[in-house]
Each structure stands twice: as C-alpha cells, then as structure tokens.
Amino acid sequence: MLTQLLALLVPPACLACREPVPRARDALCALCRDELPWLPAQSCPRCALPRPCAPCPARRAAFHAAWAPLAHDGAARALVAALKFRATLAVADLMAAQIAARLPPALRAPGTVLVPVPAGRSRRRARGFDQAQLLARRLSHRTALPVERCLERGGEGAAARQLGASRAIRRQAGRLDVRCRGRPPERVLLVDDVHTTGATLDACARTLRAAGSRFVGAVTYTRALP
C-alpha cells in the first residue's frame, strides 16, 4: 500500500531521461532501454574498441586487457551523467548488473580482485561519494569478486582533472599522480565508469604493476568511441 501511494505522489522515472515509467521496478523507459548502444562482443581485448582498431590505442598501455559493454553515447552516456552529476546512486546497480551479465570470463578468473579507479579528494568531497568505488562494490555483489581500495590520487587541482581535457593533455607524462597503499593483489580488475583515452587506466595500471601486480585488466561501463 505504501509503495502504491508513493508511486502516485512521486511517479517512478527512467534513470536516464527521467521520463515516467509504468512500474517502479523499471530502471529505464522502453525508449532508453531499446537505444542502449551495446558494443559488439568481438571488441579489441586490449583497448575495448570495436574491431578493427589498428593501430590499437592501447598497444603501449600498462593494462593487459580492457572491456566495456556499452559505447559512451545516448542513454548510456545519460546514465553516467546521472550518477556523476545528479548523484542518482541507483544507476550504479544498473551499471553493475549490465557489466556482470556480459563480463568476459577471462576478466573474472579466480583470484581476481576489483580495484576502483580513485577519484581526487576534492572531487569526492564535492559529490559526496566516489562513483568508481560505488560501482566496484555493486559489481562485487553481483560477481562475488572481492574489492580492495589500494589506489589513491595525489596532485589536487587543475593538473589532476581529466574531465574536459584534450587527448594530448590527458596523456601527458606525469599528469596523473596515482599511488598504491601497500602491496596490491597479483590479479587486478580496475573498475571505472568511462574509458575515454585510457590515460587514467594506464596510470593506475603502471602504479599497480610497479608495486607487484602481475595482471591488470580494466572494466568500465562505457567506452568512448573515436
């Protein structure tokens, strides 16, 4: 009865476009669900782009593999924005469900530990949460892979910001200061919301491998297309 009353007072809305949905349990409206830009199953295992990707942009990256279920476009892009900029935390569970349903077996092998890509301290304070950490926890719930927060960001300020920076600036050597606390897991799966140029994932992977990780993969909800 209470649920029905709430639905009348505050009609359930699509997490992506915020249009009304017929049932409270529907995360997306029919239009957004049908327009999700799913990536092909046979994407490049190194850079997560649809093939052919030559020359592969991840050919010199420190991470061994990367994957994402969706392109960073349309309803998927709107979901990322809803999580990051409107703090619609329910989006993280939808993202985790869609990742877990299609995650390649090679990236969820026994011994794999989920490591969220760290946000800067000022960004966490402004948003009140760390979206990669939240996504990693929800993904852990659905895959039974453990989570370890062993990475942290330094270099607060403009130099640490990736959002809105050009590809050349994002990939400048030493731009990202990523540090590892203690010895990291031997087999890591980095977790983040968006894979854009791969610069942040590369910086995290380099730090992890220098600290002792033997395999570093990366999973994101969306992959930005060229």
Protein backbone atom coordinates (compact mmCIF):
# COMPACT_ATOMS: atom_id res chain seq x y z
CA MET A 1 0.00 0.00 0.00
CA LEU A 2 2.81 2.44 0.92
CA THR A 3 4.63 1.67 -2.34
CA GLN A 4 1.48 2.33 -4.36
CA LEU A 5 0.87 5.59 -2.53
CA LEU A 6 4.44 6.77 -3.15
CA ALA A 7 4.10 5.87 -6.84
CA LEU A 8 1.06 8.15 -7.05
CA LEU A 9 2.76 11.03 -5.25
CA VAL A 10 6.17 10.62 -6.90
CA PRO A 11 5.78 8.64 -10.16
CA PRO A 12 8.74 6.37 -10.96
CA ALA A 13 11.06 7.82 -13.58
CA CYS A 14 13.60 6.49 -16.07
CA LEU A 15 17.12 6.74 -14.64
CA ALA A 16 18.45 8.02 -17.97
CA CYS A 17 15.89 10.51 -19.34
CA ARG A 18 13.71 10.99 -16.21
CA GLU A 19 10.52 10.37 -18.17
CA PRO A 20 7.81 8.39 -16.29
CA VAL A 21 7.99 4.58 -16.39
CA PRO A 22 4.98 2.26 -15.90
CA ARG A 23 6.39 0.36 -12.92
CA ALA A 24 8.65 1.36 -10.05
CA ARG A 25 10.90 -1.63 -10.72
CA ASP A 26 11.64 -0.42 -14.28
CA ALA A 27 15.03 1.30 -14.23
CA LEU A 28 14.71 2.55 -17.82
CA CYS A 29 11.85 3.56 -20.06
CA ALA A 30 11.27 1.44 -23.16
CA LEU A 31 12.88 4.01 -25.47
CA CYS A 32 16.11 4.31 -23.48
CA ARG A 33 16.31 0.55 -22.98
CA ASP A 34 15.93 -0.07 -26.71
CA GLU A 35 18.50 2.60 -27.61
CA LEU A 36 21.32 1.44 -25.33
CA PRO A 37 24.44 1.43 -27.56
CA TRP A 38 25.74 -2.09 -26.88
CA LEU A 39 29.26 -2.74 -28.17
CA PRO A 40 29.92 -5.83 -30.29
CA ALA A 41 31.01 -8.96 -28.45
CA GLN A 42 34.20 -9.16 -30.51
CA SER A 43 35.74 -5.84 -29.47
CA CYS A 44 39.51 -5.50 -29.22
CA PRO A 45 40.56 -7.16 -25.93
CA ARG A 46 43.30 -4.55 -25.40
CA CYS A 47 41.52 -1.24 -25.98
CA ALA A 48 37.81 -2.28 -25.85
CA LEU A 49 37.05 -0.56 -29.17
CA PRO A 50 35.15 -2.31 -31.95
CA ARG A 51 37.46 -4.00 -34.41
CA PRO A 52 39.38 -3.06 -36.48
CA CYS A 53 41.13 -0.61 -34.13
CA ALA A 54 44.57 -0.62 -35.81
CA PRO A 55 46.75 0.95 -34.72
CA CYS A 56 45.44 -0.14 -31.31
CA PRO A 57 45.48 2.88 -28.95
CA ALA A 58 46.33 0.56 -26.03
CA ARG A 59 49.31 -1.12 -27.68
CA ARG A 60 51.70 0.59 -25.23
CA ALA A 61 49.32 0.72 -22.26
CA ALA A 62 50.30 -0.83 -18.94
CA PHE A 63 46.97 -2.62 -18.56
CA HIS A 64 46.76 -6.06 -20.18
CA ALA A 65 43.11 -6.01 -21.21
CA ALA A 66 40.12 -3.68 -21.27
CA TRP A 67 36.40 -4.17 -21.80
CA ALA A 68 33.13 -2.24 -21.64
CA PRO A 69 29.60 -3.35 -22.52
CA LEU A 70 28.41 -0.03 -23.98
CA ALA A 71 29.56 2.92 -26.07
CA HIS A 72 29.63 6.30 -24.31
CA ASP A 73 26.63 7.63 -26.17
CA GLY A 74 22.87 8.07 -25.92
CA ALA A 75 21.14 6.54 -22.92
CA ALA A 76 24.40 5.05 -21.60
CA ARG A 77 26.02 8.47 -21.53
CA ALA A 78 22.95 9.87 -19.80
CA LEU A 79 23.22 7.17 -17.12
CA VAL A 80 26.86 8.06 -16.46
CA ALA A 81 25.89 11.71 -16.10
CA ALA A 82 23.01 10.81 -13.77
CA LEU A 83 25.41 9.00 -11.46
CA LYS A 84 28.27 11.51 -11.54
CA PHE A 85 26.43 14.82 -11.67
CA ARG A 86 22.97 14.14 -10.18
CA ALA A 87 24.05 11.56 -7.58
CA THR A 88 21.42 9.08 -8.78
CA LEU A 89 23.04 6.23 -6.87
CA ALA A 90 20.57 3.62 -8.13
CA VAL A 91 22.32 3.90 -11.51
CA ALA A 92 25.37 2.10 -10.09
CA ASP A 93 23.36 -1.07 -9.52
CA LEU A 94 22.01 -1.00 -13.08
CA MET A 95 25.55 -0.49 -14.42
CA ALA A 96 26.87 -3.36 -12.31
CA ALA A 97 24.09 -5.67 -13.48
CA GLN A 98 24.77 -4.93 -17.14
CA ILE A 99 28.53 -5.35 -16.69
CA ALA A 100 28.19 -8.60 -14.74
CA ALA A 101 25.80 -10.10 -17.30
CA ARG A 102 28.38 -9.80 -20.11
CA LEU A 103 31.77 -9.67 -18.36
CA PRO A 104 34.23 -11.89 -20.28
CA PRO A 105 35.33 -14.99 -18.32
CA ALA A 106 38.99 -14.05 -18.74
CA LEU A 107 38.42 -10.90 -16.67
CA ARG A 108 36.61 -12.66 -13.82
CA ALA A 109 39.01 -15.60 -13.39
CA PRO A 110 39.62 -16.97 -9.87
CA GLY A 111 41.89 -14.74 -7.82
CA THR A 112 40.72 -11.51 -9.50
CA VAL A 113 40.27 -8.53 -7.18
CA LEU A 114 38.26 -5.43 -8.11
CA VAL A 115 40.19 -2.19 -7.60
CA PRO A 116 38.24 1.06 -8.11
CA VAL A 117 39.98 3.85 -10.01
CA PRO A 118 40.41 6.54 -7.34
CA ALA A 119 38.88 10.00 -7.60
CA GLY A 120 40.63 13.06 -6.27
CA ARG A 121 39.81 14.16 -2.73
CA SER A 122 38.20 17.41 -3.83
CA ARG A 123 36.01 15.57 -6.35
CA ARG A 124 34.86 13.09 -3.68
CA ARG A 125 34.04 15.93 -1.28
CA ALA A 126 32.08 17.83 -3.94
CA ARG A 127 30.00 14.81 -4.97
CA GLY A 128 29.76 13.17 -1.57
CA PHE A 129 30.75 9.79 -2.98
CA ASP A 130 33.25 8.06 -5.30
CA GLN A 131 31.40 6.66 -8.30
CA ALA A 132 34.07 4.08 -9.19
CA GLN A 133 34.16 2.80 -5.62
CA LEU A 134 30.36 2.56 -5.55
CA LEU A 135 30.32 0.74 -8.89
CA ALA A 136 33.02 -1.68 -7.71
CA ARG A 137 31.03 -2.54 -4.58
CA ARG A 138 27.87 -3.19 -6.60
CA LEU A 139 29.83 -5.26 -9.12
CA SER A 140 31.37 -7.25 -6.28
CA HIS A 141 27.88 -8.07 -5.01
CA ARG A 142 26.93 -9.48 -8.41
CA THR A 143 30.18 -11.32 -9.24
CA ALA A 144 31.45 -12.36 -5.78
CA LEU A 145 34.84 -10.82 -6.68
CA PRO A 146 36.39 -9.02 -3.69
CA VAL A 147 37.10 -5.28 -3.66
CA GLU A 148 40.34 -3.70 -2.47
CA ARG A 149 40.88 0.07 -2.31
CA CYS A 150 44.63 0.14 -2.70
CA LEU A 151 44.97 3.17 -5.02
CA GLU A 152 44.75 6.85 -4.18
CA ARG A 153 45.12 10.05 -6.17
CA GLY A 154 47.52 12.90 -5.49
CA GLY A 155 48.06 16.11 -7.41
CA GLU A 156 44.91 18.02 -6.48
CA GLY A 157 43.94 20.95 -8.68
CA ALA A 158 43.67 21.63 -12.40
CA ALA A 159 46.51 19.29 -13.32
CA ALA A 160 44.64 16.35 -11.81
CA ARG A 161 41.40 16.95 -13.71
CA GLN A 162 40.69 14.73 -16.72
CA LEU A 163 37.11 15.80 -17.48
CA GLY A 164 37.15 18.19 -20.43
CA ALA A 165 40.89 17.85 -21.10
CA SER A 166 42.08 17.07 -24.63
CA ARG A 167 43.51 13.67 -25.50
CA ALA A 168 47.03 15.11 -25.73
CA ILE A 169 46.76 16.76 -22.31
CA ARG A 170 45.21 13.66 -20.72
CA ARG A 171 48.17 11.56 -21.87
CA GLN A 172 50.97 13.92 -20.80
CA ALA A 173 53.64 12.06 -18.84
CA GLY A 174 53.35 12.63 -15.10
CA ARG A 175 49.97 14.39 -15.34
CA LEU A 176 48.27 11.84 -13.09
CA ASP A 177 49.69 11.09 -9.66
CA VAL A 178 48.39 7.66 -8.63
CA ARG A 179 49.80 5.95 -5.56
CA CYS A 180 49.47 2.45 -4.15
CA ARG A 181 48.96 1.69 -0.46
CA GLY A 182 50.82 -1.49 0.47
CA ARG A 183 51.23 -4.49 -1.80
CA PRO A 184 48.40 -4.78 -4.34
CA PRO A 185 46.67 -8.01 -5.43
CA GLU A 186 48.51 -10.07 -8.04
CA ARG A 187 45.48 -10.10 -10.34
CA VAL A 188 43.57 -6.83 -10.58
CA LEU A 189 40.49 -5.70 -12.46
CA LEU A 190 40.33 -1.89 -12.44
CA VAL A 191 36.77 -0.52 -12.25
CA ASP A 192 35.61 2.87 -13.53
CA ASP A 193 32.56 4.41 -15.20
CA VAL A 194 34.07 5.61 -18.51
CA HIS A 195 37.09 4.63 -20.63
CA THR A 196 37.97 7.71 -22.70
CA THR A 197 41.63 7.88 -23.79
CA GLY A 198 42.78 5.24 -21.32
CA ALA A 199 45.21 7.66 -19.66
CA THR A 200 43.77 7.22 -16.16
CA LEU A 201 43.58 3.43 -16.52
CA ASP A 202 47.16 3.40 -17.81
CA ALA A 203 48.43 5.46 -14.86
CA CYS A 204 46.66 3.15 -12.40
CA ALA A 205 47.99 0.04 -14.14
CA ARG A 206 51.57 1.35 -14.15
CA THR A 207 51.37 2.03 -10.43
CA LEU A 208 49.93 -1.41 -9.70
CA ARG A 209 52.48 -3.27 -11.82
CA ALA A 210 55.36 -1.32 -10.28
CA ALA A 211 54.03 -2.31 -6.84
CA GLY A 212 53.79 -6.02 -7.71
CA SER A 213 50.59 -6.81 -9.64
CA ARG A 214 51.18 -9.37 -12.37
CA PHE A 215 47.96 -8.88 -14.33
CA VAL A 216 45.91 -5.69 -14.61
CA GLY A 217 42.67 -5.64 -16.58
CA ALA A 218 40.16 -2.80 -16.80
CA VAL A 219 36.38 -2.77 -16.96
CA THR A 220 34.24 0.33 -17.45
CA TYR A 221 30.55 0.82 -18.06
CA THR A 222 31.10 2.77 -21.27
CA ARG A 223 33.85 3.19 -23.88
CA ALA A 224 34.20 6.47 -25.74
CA LEU A 225 34.43 5.88 -29.48
CA PRO A 226 36.88 7.82 -31.69
